[in-house]
């Protein structure tokens, strides 16, 4: 009765969260039943309930695959580079925007840096080809005009990971500042006033007031990012991949695409996806415990 009374009292609030609840139920929880086929030799004609069970056979096949460690390495390196170089960038840009006093100028800058987020990876890849193509790229044309040899940016395995990281920074940094700017807006202005009275410079205020004020948000987003460490983005990698950089570009998403979609190995590709999810789950749990050990709130 108390539960029903609470629902009736806050009925409109529950109605507001209803679309989100339905979304997660339909597109996140219901599809989890498909994990079952990773333990089966699934056949679309026999269905999920009649396909024969094979236990952990697909996982053993994955770990014995000679390409497994190559794919695992590529996935981890690309993810770690994004965490090391992309993750701090929205924080840095948000701190810079927060220090701007001219509101009109601030809004213009925000609008400009938000724009790349709304471009698809197809467009981003197209821009990259126009800029870096060895034969007709703008940058290589400039190099030739200045007397240098054209550089193979797109087919050089040694810079492929860096190229993906730069793309991610350019596309998503502006959009990522939204959360941090919102967190900074919630910091008590009296803290800044007290720091000014104590003689703190702008940099000191950022270090001792602003950054501690958004620390919880930073740690929460970092934990969530570690949870998706095995997801590097299929579309970006697939569009930038070519035969010259396959050894450094092949990741779990492209591997699943080849085996699951092109070759129809649904059970095997589902097993790969489940392996990624388990790694992500352990990363979240481990990062959350580590955060709590250092006195932070964590996710839960």
Protein backbone atom coordinates (compact mmCIF):
# COMPACT_ATOMS: atom_id res chain seq x y z
CA UNK A 1 0.00 0.00 0.00
CA UNK A 2 2.82 2.40 0.81
CA UNK A 3 4.37 1.73 -2.60
CA UNK A 4 1.08 2.46 -4.40
CA UNK A 5 0.61 5.61 -2.34
CA UNK A 6 4.10 6.78 -3.30
CA UNK A 7 3.44 6.09 -6.99
CA UNK A 8 0.15 8.00 -6.90
CA UNK A 9 1.80 10.91 -5.14
CA UNK A 10 4.60 11.21 -7.71
CA UNK A 11 2.66 9.84 -10.69
CA UNK A 12 3.86 12.45 -13.16
CA UNK A 13 7.50 11.92 -12.18
CA UNK A 14 7.14 8.18 -12.85
CA UNK A 15 5.51 8.95 -16.20
CA UNK A 16 8.50 11.11 -17.11
CA UNK A 17 10.95 8.24 -16.57
CA UNK A 18 8.65 5.68 -18.25
CA UNK A 19 10.04 6.20 -21.82
CA UNK A 20 13.60 5.70 -20.54
CA UNK A 21 12.60 2.55 -18.65
CA UNK A 22 10.85 1.14 -21.74
CA UNK A 23 13.88 1.95 -23.90
CA UNK A 24 16.29 0.08 -21.62
CA UNK A 25 13.93 -2.87 -21.25
CA UNK A 26 13.39 -3.30 -24.99
CA UNK A 27 16.85 -2.52 -26.31
CA UNK A 28 19.17 -3.45 -23.42
CA UNK A 29 17.62 -6.16 -21.24
CA UNK A 30 15.39 -8.14 -23.62
CA UNK A 31 18.22 -8.68 -26.18
CA UNK A 32 20.37 -10.16 -23.40
CA UNK A 33 18.52 -13.44 -23.97
CA UNK A 34 20.46 -13.71 -27.20
CA UNK A 35 23.59 -14.48 -25.16
CA UNK A 36 22.31 -18.06 -25.01
CA UNK A 37 23.35 -18.74 -28.60
CA UNK A 38 27.02 -18.20 -27.67
CA UNK A 39 26.78 -21.63 -25.98
CA UNK A 40 25.00 -23.22 -28.94
CA UNK A 41 25.67 -24.16 -32.53
CA UNK A 42 22.92 -21.78 -33.51
CA UNK A 43 20.95 -22.27 -36.71
CA UNK A 44 18.33 -19.71 -37.81
CA UNK A 45 16.22 -22.57 -39.18
CA UNK A 46 16.20 -24.51 -35.91
CA UNK A 47 15.82 -21.48 -33.67
CA UNK A 48 17.26 -20.66 -30.28
CA UNK A 49 15.46 -23.44 -28.43
CA UNK A 50 16.25 -26.33 -30.80
CA UNK A 51 19.86 -25.52 -31.72
CA UNK A 52 22.36 -27.99 -30.18
CA UNK A 53 24.36 -26.95 -27.12
CA UNK A 54 28.15 -26.87 -27.46
CA UNK A 55 29.12 -25.34 -24.11
CA UNK A 56 32.29 -23.23 -24.19
CA UNK A 57 33.44 -24.48 -27.58
CA UNK A 58 33.20 -21.06 -29.25
CA UNK A 59 35.20 -19.41 -26.46
CA UNK A 60 37.93 -22.03 -26.79
CA UNK A 61 37.99 -21.41 -30.54
CA UNK A 62 38.34 -17.68 -29.91
CA UNK A 63 41.25 -18.05 -27.49
CA UNK A 64 43.02 -20.54 -29.76
CA UNK A 65 42.63 -18.30 -32.80
CA UNK A 66 46.10 -17.08 -33.85
CA UNK A 67 44.62 -13.62 -34.50
CA UNK A 68 43.16 -13.30 -30.99
CA UNK A 69 46.14 -11.61 -29.33
CA UNK A 70 46.63 -9.30 -32.32
CA UNK A 71 42.99 -8.18 -32.17
CA UNK A 72 43.11 -7.90 -28.38
CA UNK A 73 46.27 -5.78 -28.56
CA UNK A 74 44.83 -3.43 -31.18
CA UNK A 75 41.59 -2.98 -29.24
CA UNK A 76 43.34 -2.28 -25.95
CA UNK A 77 45.91 0.11 -27.41
CA UNK A 78 43.30 2.18 -29.24
CA UNK A 79 41.12 2.32 -26.12
CA UNK A 80 44.00 3.24 -23.84
CA UNK A 81 45.14 5.98 -26.22
CA UNK A 82 41.62 7.40 -26.17
CA UNK A 83 41.61 7.33 -22.36
CA UNK A 84 45.04 8.93 -22.09
CA UNK A 85 44.67 11.61 -24.76
CA UNK A 86 40.98 12.05 -25.59
CA UNK A 87 39.40 11.72 -22.13
CA UNK A 88 41.27 14.71 -20.57
CA UNK A 89 40.57 17.02 -23.54
CA UNK A 90 36.90 17.83 -22.72
CA UNK A 91 37.98 18.66 -19.15
CA UNK A 92 40.71 21.01 -20.38
CA UNK A 93 38.44 22.73 -22.92
CA UNK A 94 35.64 23.02 -20.34
CA UNK A 95 38.05 24.68 -17.89
CA UNK A 96 39.10 27.14 -20.59
CA UNK A 97 35.51 27.92 -21.56
CA UNK A 98 34.54 28.34 -17.91
CA UNK A 99 37.14 31.09 -17.58
CA UNK A 100 35.71 33.15 -20.45
CA UNK A 101 33.84 36.20 -19.23
CA UNK A 102 32.33 37.37 -22.54
CA UNK A 103 29.16 35.25 -22.75
CA UNK A 104 28.54 35.92 -26.45
CA UNK A 105 32.07 34.86 -27.39
CA UNK A 106 31.73 31.80 -25.15
CA UNK A 107 28.49 30.73 -26.87
CA UNK A 108 30.05 31.10 -30.32
CA UNK A 109 33.05 28.96 -29.32
CA UNK A 110 30.75 26.33 -27.82
CA UNK A 111 28.61 26.16 -30.96
CA UNK A 112 31.66 25.75 -33.17
CA UNK A 113 33.25 22.95 -31.15
CA UNK A 114 29.91 21.12 -30.74
CA UNK A 115 29.40 20.90 -34.50
CA UNK A 116 31.77 17.95 -35.32
CA UNK A 117 29.77 15.70 -32.97
CA UNK A 118 26.80 15.86 -35.35
CA UNK A 119 28.88 14.75 -38.34
CA UNK A 120 28.84 11.03 -39.11
CA UNK A 121 32.04 9.02 -39.21
CA UNK A 122 31.55 8.74 -42.96
CA UNK A 123 31.95 12.51 -43.28
CA UNK A 124 34.86 12.57 -40.82
CA UNK A 125 36.63 9.85 -42.79
CA UNK A 126 35.95 11.71 -46.03
CA UNK A 127 37.49 14.89 -44.60
CA UNK A 128 40.49 12.86 -43.42
CA UNK A 129 41.01 11.44 -46.91
CA UNK A 130 40.74 14.91 -48.47
CA UNK A 131 43.37 16.22 -46.07
CA UNK A 132 45.80 13.30 -45.87
CA UNK A 133 45.53 11.37 -49.12
CA UNK A 134 48.98 10.77 -50.60
CA UNK A 135 47.98 11.63 -54.15
CA UNK A 136 45.50 14.48 -53.77
CA UNK A 137 45.47 15.39 -50.09
CA UNK A 138 45.73 19.05 -49.18
CA UNK A 139 48.52 18.52 -46.65
CA UNK A 140 50.62 16.48 -49.06
CA UNK A 141 50.14 19.12 -51.76
CA UNK A 142 51.47 21.71 -49.33
CA UNK A 143 54.43 19.47 -48.49
CA UNK A 144 55.24 19.09 -52.19
CA UNK A 145 54.96 22.85 -52.74
CA UNK A 146 57.49 23.40 -49.96
CA UNK A 147 59.88 20.88 -51.49
CA UNK A 148 59.15 17.86 -49.32
CA UNK A 149 58.18 14.34 -50.37
CA UNK A 150 54.51 13.33 -49.92
CA UNK A 151 53.87 11.28 -46.78
CA UNK A 152 51.71 8.17 -46.66
CA UNK A 153 49.52 9.15 -43.69
CA UNK A 154 46.67 6.74 -44.45
CA UNK A 155 48.71 3.64 -45.23
CA UNK A 156 51.39 3.95 -42.57
CA UNK A 157 50.77 1.42 -39.75
CA UNK A 158 53.05 3.32 -37.34
CA UNK A 159 50.68 6.31 -37.11
CA UNK A 160 47.29 4.61 -37.55
CA UNK A 161 46.45 4.54 -33.83
CA UNK A 162 47.44 8.20 -33.46
CA UNK A 163 45.27 9.09 -36.45
CA UNK A 164 42.21 7.47 -34.88
CA UNK A 165 42.87 9.27 -31.59
CA UNK A 166 43.13 12.65 -33.31
CA UNK A 167 39.86 11.98 -35.13
CA UNK A 168 38.11 11.14 -31.85
CA UNK A 169 39.48 14.27 -30.18
CA UNK A 170 38.37 16.53 -33.03
CA UNK A 171 34.91 15.00 -33.29
CA UNK A 172 33.87 14.48 -29.67
CA UNK A 173 35.84 16.88 -27.47
CA UNK A 174 33.38 19.75 -27.83
CA UNK A 175 30.37 17.58 -27.06
CA UNK A 176 32.13 16.08 -24.05
CA UNK A 177 32.53 19.52 -22.45
CA UNK A 178 28.77 19.76 -21.81
CA UNK A 179 28.80 17.52 -18.74
CA UNK A 180 31.86 19.19 -17.24
CA UNK A 181 30.52 22.71 -17.83
CA UNK A 182 27.29 21.68 -16.12
CA UNK A 183 29.29 20.32 -13.17
CA UNK A 184 31.28 23.56 -12.96
CA UNK A 185 28.07 25.57 -12.95
CA UNK A 186 27.07 23.74 -9.77
CA UNK A 187 30.15 24.85 -7.83
CA UNK A 188 29.32 27.37 -5.10
CA UNK A 189 30.53 30.85 -6.31
CA UNK A 190 31.40 31.72 -2.72
CA UNK A 191 34.28 29.26 -2.91
CA UNK A 192 35.82 31.26 -5.74
CA UNK A 193 35.20 34.50 -3.86
CA UNK A 194 36.91 33.10 -0.77
CA UNK A 195 39.87 31.99 -2.90
CA UNK A 196 40.14 35.48 -4.41
CA UNK A 197 40.14 37.06 -0.97
CA UNK A 198 42.95 34.70 0.02
CA UNK A 199 44.92 35.98 -2.97
CA UNK A 200 44.58 32.92 -5.21
CA UNK A 201 45.29 33.48 -8.90
CA UNK A 202 43.02 32.15 -11.66
CA UNK A 203 45.19 29.04 -12.01
CA UNK A 204 45.13 28.46 -8.25
CA UNK A 205 41.33 28.78 -8.26
CA UNK A 206 41.10 26.18 -11.02
CA UNK A 207 43.41 23.80 -9.14
CA UNK A 208 41.96 24.22 -5.65
CA UNK A 209 38.29 25.01 -6.35
CA UNK A 210 37.13 24.04 -9.84
CA UNK A 211 38.88 20.69 -10.25
CA UNK A 212 37.92 19.40 -6.77
CA UNK A 213 34.36 20.54 -7.49
CA UNK A 214 34.07 18.33 -10.58
CA UNK A 215 36.24 15.46 -9.32
CA UNK A 216 33.30 13.14 -8.68
CA UNK A 217 31.97 13.67 -12.21
CA UNK A 218 35.41 13.01 -13.71
CA UNK A 219 35.84 9.78 -11.75
CA UNK A 220 32.32 8.58 -12.60
CA UNK A 221 32.84 9.15 -16.32
CA UNK A 222 36.27 7.52 -16.18
CA UNK A 223 34.81 4.40 -14.55
CA UNK A 224 32.11 4.25 -17.24
CA UNK A 225 34.75 4.72 -19.94
CA UNK A 226 36.79 1.84 -18.53
CA UNK A 227 33.63 -0.29 -18.72
CA UNK A 228 33.61 0.15 -22.50
CA UNK A 229 37.35 -0.33 -22.92
CA UNK A 230 36.74 -3.19 -25.37
CA UNK A 231 34.56 -0.99 -27.59
CA UNK A 232 36.57 1.23 -29.89
CA UNK A 233 33.86 2.02 -32.43
CA UNK A 234 33.26 -0.17 -35.48
CA UNK A 235 32.36 2.56 -37.94
CA UNK A 236 35.46 4.71 -37.42
CA UNK A 237 37.92 1.80 -37.64
CA UNK A 238 36.12 0.11 -40.54
CA UNK A 239 36.10 3.28 -42.64
CA UNK A 240 39.78 4.03 -41.99
CA UNK A 241 40.99 0.44 -42.45
CA UNK A 242 42.87 -0.62 -45.57
CA UNK A 243 45.05 -3.57 -46.51
CA UNK A 244 48.25 -1.76 -45.51
CA UNK A 245 47.16 -1.20 -41.90
CA UNK A 246 45.14 -4.35 -41.22
CA UNK A 247 47.63 -5.65 -38.64
CA UNK A 248 47.12 -2.57 -36.45
CA UNK A 249 43.51 -1.79 -37.39
CA UNK A 250 41.73 -5.11 -36.92
CA UNK A 251 39.73 -4.95 -33.67
CA UNK A 252 36.96 -7.05 -32.13
CA UNK A 253 34.21 -5.07 -33.87
CA UNK A 254 35.65 -5.62 -37.35
CA UNK A 255 36.41 -9.25 -36.47
CA UNK A 256 32.80 -9.81 -35.39
CA UNK A 257 31.57 -8.13 -38.56
CA UNK A 258 33.57 -10.49 -40.76
CA UNK A 259 32.61 -13.64 -38.86
CA UNK A 260 29.10 -12.79 -37.71
CA UNK A 261 27.65 -10.82 -40.62
CA UNK A 262 29.69 -11.82 -43.65
CA UNK A 263 30.26 -15.49 -42.77
CA UNK A 264 27.09 -16.11 -40.74
CA UNK A 265 28.86 -17.46 -37.61
CA UNK A 266 26.25 -16.04 -35.25
CA UNK A 267 27.12 -18.17 -32.22
CA UNK A 268 30.83 -17.49 -32.52
CA UNK A 269 30.40 -13.73 -32.93
CA UNK A 270 28.00 -13.67 -29.96
CA UNK A 271 30.65 -15.44 -27.88
CA UNK A 272 33.13 -12.72 -28.84
CA UNK A 273 30.64 -10.06 -27.80
CA UNK A 274 30.03 -11.80 -24.47
CA UNK A 275 33.78 -11.97 -23.84
CA UNK A 276 34.01 -8.21 -24.40
CA UNK A 277 31.10 -7.57 -22.04
CA UNK A 278 32.64 -9.68 -19.27
CA UNK A 279 35.93 -7.79 -19.55
CA UNK A 280 34.02 -4.49 -19.38
CA UNK A 281 32.09 -5.66 -16.31
CA UNK A 282 35.27 -6.59 -14.44
CA UNK A 283 36.84 -3.26 -15.40
CA UNK A 284 33.88 -1.33 -13.96
CA UNK A 285 33.85 -3.36 -10.74
CA UNK A 286 37.62 -3.06 -10.32
CA UNK A 287 37.72 0.68 -11.08
CA UNK A 288 34.80 1.32 -8.74
CA UNK A 289 36.49 -0.54 -5.87
CA UNK A 290 39.73 1.31 -6.54
CA UNK A 291 37.92 4.66 -6.48
CA UNK A 292 36.28 3.82 -3.14
CA UNK A 293 39.61 2.74 -1.70
CA UNK A 294 40.92 6.24 -2.42
CA UNK A 295 37.93 7.82 -0.68
CA UNK A 296 35.74 8.57 -3.70
CA UNK A 297 32.05 7.73 -4.00
CA UNK A 298 32.28 5.61 -7.14
CA UNK A 299 29.27 4.46 -9.13
CA UNK A 300 27.57 2.46 -6.39
